[in-house]
């Protein structure tokens, strides 16, 4: 396993981690000051700054993208909605390619309308079929332009509203069906927050292997968790065996960035951005 204790060259910052403190240009500048050489920005942040401006700034600072957030949300109430989702995913693929991202992360979606409290239907099997079909349709274009798609399985607590793929095993089943030759065009984004609890995690990480492990996100699970969406912990503050899991990931062949992604309405989003980034660097060295 790689030794992170003497440097942070394999640290990436998902820009959600400090989105309440700074806009994207400021985040990029602050990462550059700390020799953080990769980020994973969100589409709304890129749109606000202008994609060409972001591309130039990243190039000037020699910062790469460990991923791009996000595509997905394929299910819809009707055919027009499903087509709109496919069109939006095509735009996301183009944006990721323009920024030379390592992959486009897919939060696949679930029951349409559930996020707003008005689910269009309750048939989760239908939603999973629409997710599978949406990924299949998007994969053809993504493969054509050379942008890998990374399915992110989300914790089961978000099965109704954000993602109906909730285990690494399920995500890999979809990958194996749609990309049986393991071409590198389709894989997974493994987010500790969502998968740490899974009794099959070690086995499924080994199954994924180097070809499927496209991104690795770290934070921690707090006890108690005060908000299931926005109370992620800083690495080392919770109960996840971070070093053990990274050992499994690297044993499977992953040699990329550990991307810190923390949504923290009650804690880290309230702190100065400088403190947050400095803590990310320290914890990357000491506990990740």
C-alpha atoms as a PDB file:
ATOM      1  CA  UNK A   1       0.000   0.000   0.000  1.00  0.00           C
ATOM      2  CA  UNK A   2       1.264   3.490  -0.827  1.00  0.00           C
ATOM      3  CA  UNK A   3       2.706   5.587   1.985  1.00  0.00           C
ATOM      4  CA  UNK A   4       0.774   8.849   2.242  1.00  0.00           C
ATOM      5  CA  UNK A   5       2.483  10.015   5.438  1.00  0.00           C
ATOM      6  CA  UNK A   6       5.180  12.128   3.827  1.00  0.00           C
ATOM      7  CA  UNK A   7       3.219  13.909   1.110  1.00  0.00           C
ATOM      8  CA  UNK A   8      -0.160  14.559  -0.421  1.00  0.00           C
ATOM      9  CA  UNK A   9       0.481  14.118  -4.113  1.00  0.00           C
ATOM     10  CA  UNK A  10      -2.412  11.628  -4.270  1.00  0.00           C
ATOM     11  CA  UNK A  11      -4.929  13.903  -2.559  1.00  0.00           C
ATOM     12  CA  UNK A  12      -7.817  15.304  -4.576  1.00  0.00           C
ATOM     13  CA  UNK A  13     -10.476  17.715  -3.346  1.00  0.00           C
ATOM     14  CA  UNK A  14     -14.061  17.298  -4.405  1.00  0.00           C
ATOM     15  CA  UNK A  15     -15.105  20.913  -4.627  1.00  0.00           C
ATOM     16  CA  UNK A  16     -18.312  20.310  -2.675  1.00  0.00           C
ATOM     17  CA  UNK A  17     -16.062  20.139   0.394  1.00  0.00           C
ATOM     18  CA  UNK A  18     -15.541  23.910   0.395  1.00  0.00           C
ATOM     19  CA  UNK A  19     -18.358  25.094  -1.860  1.00  0.00           C
ATOM     20  CA  UNK A  20     -19.972  27.172   0.892  1.00  0.00           C
ATOM     21  CA  UNK A  21     -16.761  29.099   1.527  1.00  0.00           C
ATOM     22  CA  UNK A  22     -15.512  29.808  -2.018  1.00  0.00           C
ATOM     23  CA  UNK A  23     -16.503  29.811  -5.651  1.00  0.00           C
ATOM     24  CA  UNK A  24     -14.673  27.481  -8.025  1.00  0.00           C
ATOM     25  CA  UNK A  25     -11.906  29.885  -9.140  1.00  0.00           C
ATOM     26  CA  UNK A  26     -11.056  30.537  -5.485  1.00  0.00           C
ATOM     27  CA  UNK A  27     -11.085  26.807  -4.715  1.00  0.00           C
ATOM     28  CA  UNK A  28      -8.649  26.157  -7.551  1.00  0.00           C
ATOM     29  CA  UNK A  29      -6.327  28.948  -6.357  1.00  0.00           C
ATOM     30  CA  UNK A  30      -6.405  27.721  -2.755  1.00  0.00           C
ATOM     31  CA  UNK A  31      -5.685  24.148  -3.827  1.00  0.00           C
ATOM     32  CA  UNK A  32      -2.773  25.382  -5.927  1.00  0.00           C
ATOM     33  CA  UNK A  33      -1.328  27.219  -2.901  1.00  0.00           C
ATOM     34  CA  UNK A  34      -1.233  23.891  -1.048  1.00  0.00           C
ATOM     35  CA  UNK A  35       0.173  21.874  -3.953  1.00  0.00           C
ATOM     36  CA  UNK A  36      -3.039  19.884  -4.237  1.00  0.00           C
ATOM     37  CA  UNK A  37      -2.820  18.623  -7.789  1.00  0.00           C
ATOM     38  CA  UNK A  38      -6.321  17.337  -8.469  1.00  0.00           C
ATOM     39  CA  UNK A  39      -9.916  18.372  -7.878  1.00  0.00           C
ATOM     40  CA  UNK A  40     -13.355  17.080  -8.824  1.00  0.00           C
ATOM     41  CA  UNK A  41     -15.682  20.010  -9.585  1.00  0.00           C
ATOM     42  CA  UNK A  42     -19.463  20.100  -9.884  1.00  0.00           C
ATOM     43  CA  UNK A  43     -21.246  21.146 -13.023  1.00  0.00           C
ATOM     44  CA  UNK A  44     -23.042  24.109 -11.462  1.00  0.00           C
ATOM     45  CA  UNK A  45     -19.744  25.501 -10.205  1.00  0.00           C
ATOM     46  CA  UNK A  46     -18.159  25.122 -13.639  1.00  0.00           C
ATOM     47  CA  UNK A  47     -21.159  26.786 -15.304  1.00  0.00           C
ATOM     48  CA  UNK A  48     -20.979  29.730 -12.923  1.00  0.00           C
ATOM     49  CA  UNK A  49     -17.281  30.290 -13.634  1.00  0.00           C
ATOM     50  CA  UNK A  50     -17.419  29.485 -17.351  1.00  0.00           C
ATOM     51  CA  UNK A  51     -15.962  26.231 -18.611  1.00  0.00           C
ATOM     52  CA  UNK A  52     -13.295  27.873 -20.783  1.00  0.00           C
ATOM     53  CA  UNK A  53     -12.131  30.016 -17.868  1.00  0.00           C
ATOM     54  CA  UNK A  54     -11.967  26.958 -15.627  1.00  0.00           C
ATOM     55  CA  UNK A  55      -9.997  25.021 -18.223  1.00  0.00           C
ATOM     56  CA  UNK A  56      -7.448  27.827 -18.556  1.00  0.00           C
ATOM     57  CA  UNK A  57      -7.088  28.215 -14.796  1.00  0.00           C
ATOM     58  CA  UNK A  58      -6.586  24.484 -14.258  1.00  0.00           C
ATOM     59  CA  UNK A  59      -3.955  24.389 -16.970  1.00  0.00           C
ATOM     60  CA  UNK A  60      -2.140  27.402 -15.519  1.00  0.00           C
ATOM     61  CA  UNK A  61      -1.941  25.717 -12.117  1.00  0.00           C
ATOM     62  CA  UNK A  62      -1.243  22.252 -13.568  1.00  0.00           C
ATOM     63  CA  UNK A  63      -4.230  20.812 -11.678  1.00  0.00           C
ATOM     64  CA  UNK A  64      -6.058  17.812 -13.099  1.00  0.00           C
ATOM     65  CA  UNK A  65      -9.524  16.351 -12.521  1.00  0.00           C
ATOM     66  CA  UNK A  66      -9.906  13.084 -10.627  1.00  0.00           C
ATOM     67  CA  UNK A  67     -13.542  13.130 -11.732  1.00  0.00           C
ATOM     68  CA  UNK A  68     -16.424  15.356 -12.752  1.00  0.00           C
ATOM     69  CA  UNK A  69     -19.727  15.645 -10.858  1.00  0.00           C
ATOM     70  CA  UNK A  70     -22.122  14.612 -12.095  1.00  0.00           C
ATOM     71  CA  UNK A  71     -24.207  12.803 -14.659  1.00  0.00           C
ATOM     72  CA  UNK A  72     -27.048  10.371 -14.107  1.00  0.00           C
ATOM     73  CA  UNK A  73     -30.630  10.860 -12.873  1.00  0.00           C
ATOM     74  CA  UNK A  74     -31.916   8.767 -15.758  1.00  0.00           C
ATOM     75  CA  UNK A  75     -35.435   7.730 -14.614  1.00  0.00           C
ATOM     76  CA  UNK A  76     -38.358   9.963 -15.557  1.00  0.00           C
ATOM     77  CA  UNK A  77     -42.128   9.907 -15.586  1.00  0.00           C
ATOM     78  CA  UNK A  78     -42.352   9.714 -19.385  1.00  0.00           C
ATOM     79  CA  UNK A  79     -40.362   9.280 -22.569  1.00  0.00           C
ATOM     80  CA  UNK A  80     -39.777  13.001 -22.965  1.00  0.00           C
ATOM     81  CA  UNK A  81     -38.251  13.169 -19.509  1.00  0.00           C
ATOM     82  CA  UNK A  82     -35.995  10.207 -20.199  1.00  0.00           C
ATOM     83  CA  UNK A  83     -34.800  11.806 -23.432  1.00  0.00           C
ATOM     84  CA  UNK A  84     -34.111  15.074 -21.616  1.00  0.00           C
ATOM     85  CA  UNK A  85     -31.970  13.145 -19.146  1.00  0.00           C
ATOM     86  CA  UNK A  86     -30.014  11.529 -21.972  1.00  0.00           C
ATOM     87  CA  UNK A  87     -29.460  14.919 -23.593  1.00  0.00           C
ATOM     88  CA  UNK A  88     -28.211  16.352 -20.308  1.00  0.00           C
ATOM     89  CA  UNK A  89     -25.860  13.434 -19.804  1.00  0.00           C
ATOM     90  CA  UNK A  90     -24.434  13.965 -23.261  1.00  0.00           C
ATOM     91  CA  UNK A  91     -23.705  17.575 -22.295  1.00  0.00           C
ATOM     92  CA  UNK A  92     -22.078  16.383 -19.070  1.00  0.00           C
ATOM     93  CA  UNK A  93     -19.875  13.991 -21.052  1.00  0.00           C
ATOM     94  CA  UNK A  94     -18.810  16.841 -23.324  1.00  0.00           C
ATOM     95  CA  UNK A  95     -18.009  19.066 -20.334  1.00  0.00           C
ATOM     96  CA  UNK A  96     -15.978  16.309 -18.680  1.00  0.00           C
ATOM     97  CA  UNK A  97     -14.060  15.790 -21.908  1.00  0.00           C
ATOM     98  CA  UNK A  98     -13.389  19.513 -22.313  1.00  0.00           C
ATOM     99  CA  UNK A  99     -11.894  19.570 -18.812  1.00  0.00           C
ATOM    100  CA  UNK A 100      -9.996  16.306 -19.393  1.00  0.00           C
ATOM    101  CA  UNK A 101     -11.586  14.617 -16.381  1.00  0.00           C
ATOM    102  CA  UNK A 102     -10.587  11.099 -15.432  1.00  0.00           C
ATOM    103  CA  UNK A 103     -14.254  10.078 -15.450  1.00  0.00           C
ATOM    104  CA  UNK A 104     -17.808  11.360 -15.278  1.00  0.00           C
ATOM    105  CA  UNK A 105     -19.418  10.286 -12.011  1.00  0.00           C
ATOM    106  CA  UNK A 106     -22.986   9.001 -12.330  1.00  0.00           C
ATOM    107  CA  UNK A 107     -25.489   9.443  -9.523  1.00  0.00           C
ATOM    108  CA  UNK A 108     -27.978   7.339 -11.380  1.00  0.00           C
ATOM    109  CA  UNK A 109     -31.316   8.553 -10.018  1.00  0.00           C
ATOM    110  CA  UNK A 110     -34.286   6.714  -8.545  1.00  0.00           C
ATOM    111  CA  UNK A 111     -38.021   7.387  -8.316  1.00  0.00           C
ATOM    112  CA  UNK A 112     -38.577  10.529 -10.435  1.00  0.00           C
ATOM    113  CA  UNK A 113     -39.960  13.407  -8.414  1.00  0.00           C
ATOM    114  CA  UNK A 114     -39.078  11.819  -5.063  1.00  0.00           C
ATOM    115  CA  UNK A 115     -36.514  14.511  -4.270  1.00  0.00           C
ATOM    116  CA  UNK A 116     -39.341  17.037  -4.366  1.00  0.00           C
ATOM    117  CA  UNK A 117     -41.601  14.776  -2.322  1.00  0.00           C
ATOM    118  CA  UNK A 118     -43.834  13.865  -5.285  1.00  0.00           C
ATOM    119  CA  UNK A 119     -42.698  10.544  -6.724  1.00  0.00           C
ATOM    120  CA  UNK A 120     -44.182   9.968 -10.182  1.00  0.00           C
ATOM    121  CA  UNK A 121     -44.312   6.235  -9.484  1.00  0.00           C
ATOM    122  CA  UNK A 122     -43.300   3.726  -6.791  1.00  0.00           C
ATOM    123  CA  UNK A 123     -41.918   0.931  -8.973  1.00  0.00           C
ATOM    124  CA  UNK A 124     -38.225   0.786  -8.068  1.00  0.00           C
ATOM    125  CA  UNK A 125     -37.685  -2.099 -10.481  1.00  0.00           C
ATOM    126  CA  UNK A 126     -38.864   0.212 -13.262  1.00  0.00           C
ATOM    127  CA  UNK A 127     -36.438   2.881 -12.080  1.00  0.00           C
ATOM    128  CA  UNK A 128     -33.580   0.379 -12.152  1.00  0.00           C
ATOM    129  CA  UNK A 129     -34.483  -0.642 -15.680  1.00  0.00           C
ATOM    130  CA  UNK A 130     -34.536   3.007 -16.759  1.00  0.00           C
ATOM    131  CA  UNK A 131     -31.147   3.502 -15.112  1.00  0.00           C
ATOM    132  CA  UNK A 132     -29.709   0.505 -16.943  1.00  0.00           C
ATOM    133  CA  UNK A 133     -31.117   1.696 -20.258  1.00  0.00           C
ATOM    134  CA  UNK A 134     -29.924   5.249 -19.659  1.00  0.00           C
ATOM    135  CA  UNK A 135     -26.385   4.141 -18.901  1.00  0.00           C
ATOM    136  CA  UNK A 136     -26.391   1.899 -21.967  1.00  0.00           C
ATOM    137  CA  UNK A 137     -27.522   4.760 -24.188  1.00  0.00           C
ATOM    138  CA  UNK A 138     -24.969   7.174 -22.718  1.00  0.00           C
ATOM    139  CA  UNK A 139     -22.140   4.647 -22.819  1.00  0.00           C
ATOM    140  CA  UNK A 140     -22.110   4.514 -26.595  1.00  0.00           C
ATOM    141  CA  UNK A 141     -21.392   8.231 -26.880  1.00  0.00           C
ATOM    142  CA  UNK A 142     -19.027   8.271 -23.904  1.00  0.00           C
ATOM    143  CA  UNK A 143     -16.991   5.469 -25.448  1.00  0.00           C
ATOM    144  CA  UNK A 144     -16.930   7.308 -28.766  1.00  0.00           C
ATOM    145  CA  UNK A 145     -15.413  10.454 -27.239  1.00  0.00           C
ATOM    146  CA  UNK A 146     -13.242   8.620 -24.692  1.00  0.00           C
ATOM    147  CA  UNK A 147     -14.879   9.641 -21.414  1.00  0.00           C
ATOM    148  CA  UNK A 148     -15.223   6.796 -18.863  1.00  0.00           C
ATOM    149  CA  UNK A 149     -18.473   6.633 -16.902  1.00  0.00           C
ATOM    150  CA  UNK A 150     -18.265   5.825 -13.183  1.00  0.00           C
ATOM    151  CA  UNK A 151     -21.405   4.515 -11.473  1.00  0.00           C
ATOM    152  CA  UNK A 152     -21.522   5.657  -7.850  1.00  0.00           C
ATOM    153  CA  UNK A 153     -23.543   3.308  -5.637  1.00  0.00           C
ATOM    154  CA  UNK A 154     -25.274   5.331  -2.925  1.00  0.00           C
ATOM    155  CA  UNK A 155     -26.228   4.276   0.588  1.00  0.00           C
ATOM    156  CA  UNK A 156     -29.640   2.523   0.741  1.00  0.00           C
ATOM    157  CA  UNK A 157     -31.075   5.500   2.639  1.00  0.00           C
ATOM    158  CA  UNK A 158     -31.029   7.314  -0.727  1.00  0.00           C
ATOM    159  CA  UNK A 159     -32.579   4.502  -2.785  1.00  0.00           C
ATOM    160  CA  UNK A 160     -35.869   6.343  -3.288  1.00  0.00           C
ATOM    161  CA  UNK A 161     -34.679   9.791  -4.250  1.00  0.00           C
ATOM    162  CA  UNK A 162     -31.081   9.847  -5.508  1.00  0.00           C
ATOM    163  CA  UNK A 163     -29.853   6.430  -6.622  1.00  0.00           C
ATOM    164  CA  UNK A 164     -31.472   3.021  -6.902  1.00  0.00           C
ATOM    165  CA  UNK A 165     -28.056   1.377  -7.270  1.00  0.00           C
ATOM    166  CA  UNK A 166     -27.039   0.935  -3.650  1.00  0.00           C
ATOM    167  CA  UNK A 167     -24.279  -1.655  -3.473  1.00  0.00           C
ATOM    168  CA  UNK A 168     -20.980  -2.100  -5.225  1.00  0.00           C
ATOM    169  CA  UNK A 169     -22.171  -5.560  -6.274  1.00  0.00           C
ATOM    170  CA  UNK A 170     -25.186  -4.091  -8.085  1.00  0.00           C
ATOM    171  CA  UNK A 171     -23.057  -1.447  -9.788  1.00  0.00           C
ATOM    172  CA  UNK A 172     -20.614  -4.089 -10.992  1.00  0.00           C
ATOM    173  CA  UNK A 173     -23.447  -6.268 -12.263  1.00  0.00           C
ATOM    174  CA  UNK A 174     -24.502  -3.355 -14.477  1.00  0.00           C
ATOM    175  CA  UNK A 175     -20.909  -2.839 -15.596  1.00  0.00           C
ATOM    176  CA  UNK A 176     -20.498  -6.501 -16.474  1.00  0.00           C
ATOM    177  CA  UNK A 177     -23.735  -6.536 -18.463  1.00  0.00           C
ATOM    178  CA  UNK A 178     -23.016  -3.373 -20.457  1.00  0.00           C
ATOM    179  CA  UNK A 179     -19.241  -3.625 -20.745  1.00  0.00           C
ATOM    180  CA  UNK A 180     -18.413  -7.341 -20.553  1.00  0.00           C
ATOM    181  CA  UNK A 181     -14.963  -6.896 -22.089  1.00  0.00           C
ATOM    182  CA  UNK A 182     -13.931  -4.550 -19.242  1.00  0.00           C
ATOM    183  CA  UNK A 183     -12.852  -1.931 -21.760  1.00  0.00           C
ATOM    184  CA  UNK A 184     -12.312   0.841 -19.197  1.00  0.00           C
ATOM    185  CA  UNK A 185     -15.288   2.775 -20.560  1.00  0.00           C
ATOM    186  CA  UNK A 186     -17.543   1.871 -17.608  1.00  0.00           C
ATOM    187  CA  UNK A 187     -16.690   1.425 -13.962  1.00  0.00           C
ATOM    188  CA  UNK A 188     -17.462   2.649 -10.479  1.00  0.00           C
ATOM    189  CA  UNK A 189     -16.817   5.599  -8.204  1.00  0.00           C
ATOM    190  CA  UNK A 190     -16.313   4.073  -4.771  1.00  0.00           C
ATOM    191  CA  UNK A 191     -17.418   6.499  -2.067  1.00  0.00           C
ATOM    192  CA  UNK A 192     -16.566   5.392   1.479  1.00  0.00           C
ATOM    193  CA  UNK A 193     -19.572   7.210   2.915  1.00  0.00           C
ATOM    194  CA  UNK A 194     -21.957   5.083   0.902  1.00  0.00           C
ATOM    195  CA  UNK A 195     -20.308   1.638   0.968  1.00  0.00           C
ATOM    196  CA  UNK A 196     -18.276   1.270   4.184  1.00  0.00           C
ATOM    197  CA  UNK A 197     -21.008  -0.818   5.860  1.00  0.00           C
ATOM    198  CA  UNK A 198     -21.321  -3.447   3.107  1.00  0.00           C
ATOM    199  CA  UNK A 199     -20.389  -6.979   4.318  1.00  0.00           C
ATOM    200  CA  UNK A 200     -19.391  -7.844   0.737  1.00  0.00           C
ATOM    201  CA  UNK A 201     -17.187  -4.788   0.269  1.00  0.00           C
ATOM    202  CA  UNK A 202     -13.762  -6.482   0.252  1.00  0.00           C
ATOM    203  CA  UNK A 203     -14.984  -9.219  -2.089  1.00  0.00           C
ATOM    204  CA  UNK A 204     -16.598  -6.774  -4.507  1.00  0.00           C
ATOM    205  CA  UNK A 205     -13.594  -4.434  -4.559  1.00  0.00           C
ATOM    206  CA  UNK A 206     -11.463  -7.401  -5.581  1.00  0.00           C
ATOM    207  CA  UNK A 207     -14.046  -8.265  -8.244  1.00  0.00           C
ATOM    208  CA  UNK A 208     -13.949  -4.699  -9.585  1.00  0.00           C
ATOM    209  CA  UNK A 209     -10.235  -4.712 -10.195  1.00  0.00           C
ATOM    210  CA  UNK A 210      -8.175  -2.004 -11.787  1.00  0.00           C
ATOM    211  CA  UNK A 211     -10.392  -1.694 -14.872  1.00  0.00           C
ATOM    212  CA  UNK A 212     -13.557  -0.892 -12.911  1.00  0.00           C
ATOM    213  CA  UNK A 213     -12.186   1.239 -10.049  1.00  0.00           C
ATOM    214  CA  UNK A 214     -12.292   4.665 -11.666  1.00  0.00           C
ATOM    215  CA  UNK A 215     -12.570   6.925  -8.600  1.00  0.00           C
ATOM    216  CA  UNK A 216     -12.186   6.617  -4.827  1.00  0.00           C
ATOM    217  CA  UNK A 217     -13.905   9.086  -2.471  1.00  0.00           C
ATOM    218  CA  UNK A 218     -13.094   9.435   1.214  1.00  0.00           C
ATOM    219  CA  UNK A 219     -14.660  11.026   4.273  1.00  0.00           C
ATOM    220  CA  UNK A 220     -15.958   9.382   7.475  1.00  0.00           C
ATOM    221  CA  UNK A 221     -19.199   8.169   9.050  1.00  0.00           C
ATOM    222  CA  UNK A 222     -20.046   9.991  12.260  1.00  0.00           C
ATOM    223  CA  UNK A 223     -21.890   8.528  15.224  1.00  0.00           C
ATOM    224  CA  UNK A 224     -24.386   9.912  15.697  1.00  0.00           C
ATOM    225  CA  UNK A 225     -25.062  11.162  12.211  1.00  0.00           C
ATOM    226  CA  UNK A 226     -27.217  14.254  12.599  1.00  0.00           C
ATOM    227  CA  UNK A 227     -28.197  14.633   8.942  1.00  0.00           C
ATOM    228  CA  UNK A 228     -28.024  11.712   6.545  1.00  0.00           C
ATOM    229  CA  UNK A 229     -27.150  13.866   3.538  1.00  0.00           C
ATOM    230  CA  UNK A 230     -25.024  16.677   4.950  1.00  0.00           C
ATOM    231  CA  UNK A 231     -23.250  15.425   8.062  1.00  0.00           C
ATOM    232  CA  UNK A 232     -20.266  13.598   6.644  1.00  0.00           C
ATOM    233  CA  UNK A 233     -17.221  13.449   8.863  1.00  0.00           C
ATOM    234  CA  UNK A 234     -13.653  14.496   8.269  1.00  0.00           C
ATOM    235  CA  UNK A 235     -11.421  11.462   7.855  1.00  0.00           C
ATOM    236  CA  UNK A 236     -10.472  10.129  11.273  1.00  0.00           C
ATOM    237  CA  UNK A 237     -13.471  11.601  13.093  1.00  0.00           C
ATOM    238  CA  UNK A 238     -15.777   8.629  12.561  1.00  0.00           C
ATOM    239  CA  UNK A 239     -15.946   4.848  12.517  1.00  0.00           C
ATOM    240  CA  UNK A 240     -14.726   3.863   9.030  1.00  0.00           C
ATOM    241  CA  UNK A 241     -11.575   1.734   8.821  1.00  0.00           C
ATOM    242  CA  UNK A 242     -10.052   3.964   6.179  1.00  0.00           C
ATOM    243  CA  UNK A 243      -6.607   2.373   5.930  1.00  0.00           C
ATOM    244  CA  UNK A 244      -8.077  -1.115   5.700  1.00  0.00           C
ATOM    245  CA  UNK A 245     -10.404  -0.167   2.859  1.00  0.00           C
ATOM    246  CA  UNK A 246      -7.666   1.659   0.948  1.00  0.00           C
ATOM    247  CA  UNK A 247      -5.584  -1.474   1.316  1.00  0.00           C
ATOM    248  CA  UNK A 248      -8.339  -3.465  -0.392  1.00  0.00           C
ATOM    249  CA  UNK A 249      -8.680  -0.847  -3.124  1.00  0.00           C
ATOM    250  CA  UNK A 250      -4.977  -0.728  -3.862  1.00  0.00           C
ATOM    251  CA  UNK A 251      -4.663  -4.519  -3.713  1.00  0.00           C
ATOM    252  CA  UNK A 252      -7.264  -4.581  -6.495  1.00  0.00           C
ATOM    253  CA  UNK A 253      -5.008  -2.389  -8.623  1.00  0.00           C
ATOM    254  CA  UNK A 254      -6.227   1.148  -7.967  1.00  0.00           C
ATOM    255  CA  UNK A 255      -3.384   3.666  -7.954  1.00  0.00           C
ATOM    256  CA  UNK A 256      -5.222   6.963  -8.358  1.00  0.00           C
ATOM    257  CA  UNK A 257      -6.308   9.812  -6.112  1.00  0.00           C
ATOM    258  CA  UNK A 258      -8.074   9.648  -2.769  1.00  0.00           C
ATOM    259  CA  UNK A 259     -10.727  12.298  -3.325  1.00  0.00           C
ATOM    260  CA  UNK A 260     -12.069  14.047  -0.233  1.00  0.00           C
ATOM    261  CA  UNK A 261     -15.806  14.696  -0.540  1.00  0.00           C
ATOM    262  CA  UNK A 262     -17.459  16.130   2.575  1.00  0.00           C
ATOM    263  CA  UNK A 263     -20.966  17.565   2.828  1.00  0.00           C
ATOM    264  CA  UNK A 264     -21.095  19.126   6.288  1.00  0.00           C
ATOM    265  CA  UNK A 265     -23.910  21.575   6.944  1.00  0.00           C
ATOM    266  CA  UNK A 266     -23.344  21.542  10.710  1.00  0.00           C
ATOM    267  CA  UNK A 267     -19.548  21.609  10.882  1.00  0.00           C
ATOM    268  CA  UNK A 268     -17.020  21.882   8.055  1.00  0.00           C
ATOM    269  CA  UNK A 269     -19.072  24.149   5.808  1.00  0.00           C
ATOM    270  CA  UNK A 270     -19.162  26.603   8.742  1.00  0.00           C
ATOM    271  CA  UNK A 271     -15.381  26.726   9.136  1.00  0.00           C
ATOM    272  CA  UNK A 272     -12.904  28.853   7.185  1.00  0.00           C
ATOM    273  CA  UNK A 273     -12.002  27.228   3.894  1.00  0.00           C
ATOM    274  CA  UNK A 274      -8.311  27.450   4.709  1.00  0.00           C
ATOM    275  CA  UNK A 275      -8.855  25.356   7.834  1.00  0.00           C
ATOM    276  CA  UNK A 276     -10.851  22.771   5.908  1.00  0.00           C
ATOM    277  CA  UNK A 277      -8.211  22.302   3.209  1.00  0.00           C
ATOM    278  CA  UNK A 278      -5.345  22.232   5.693  1.00  0.00           C
ATOM    279  CA  UNK A 279      -7.169  19.576   7.706  1.00  0.00           C
ATOM    280  CA  UNK A 280      -7.793  17.545   4.564  1.00  0.00           C
ATOM    281  CA  UNK A 281      -4.061  17.567   3.835  1.00  0.00           C
ATOM    282  CA  UNK A 282      -3.195  16.541   7.401  1.00  0.00           C
ATOM    283  CA  UNK A 283      -5.759  13.751   7.583  1.00  0.00           C
ATOM    284  CA  UNK A 284      -4.817  12.468   4.136  1.00  0.00           C
ATOM    285  CA  UNK A 285      -1.335  11.946   5.504  1.00  0.00           C
ATOM    286  CA  UNK A 286      -2.287  10.596   8.908  1.00  0.00           C
ATOM    287  CA  UNK A 287      -5.423   8.449   8.532  1.00  0.00           C
ATOM    288  CA  UNK A 288      -6.409   7.894   4.875  1.00  0.00           C
END
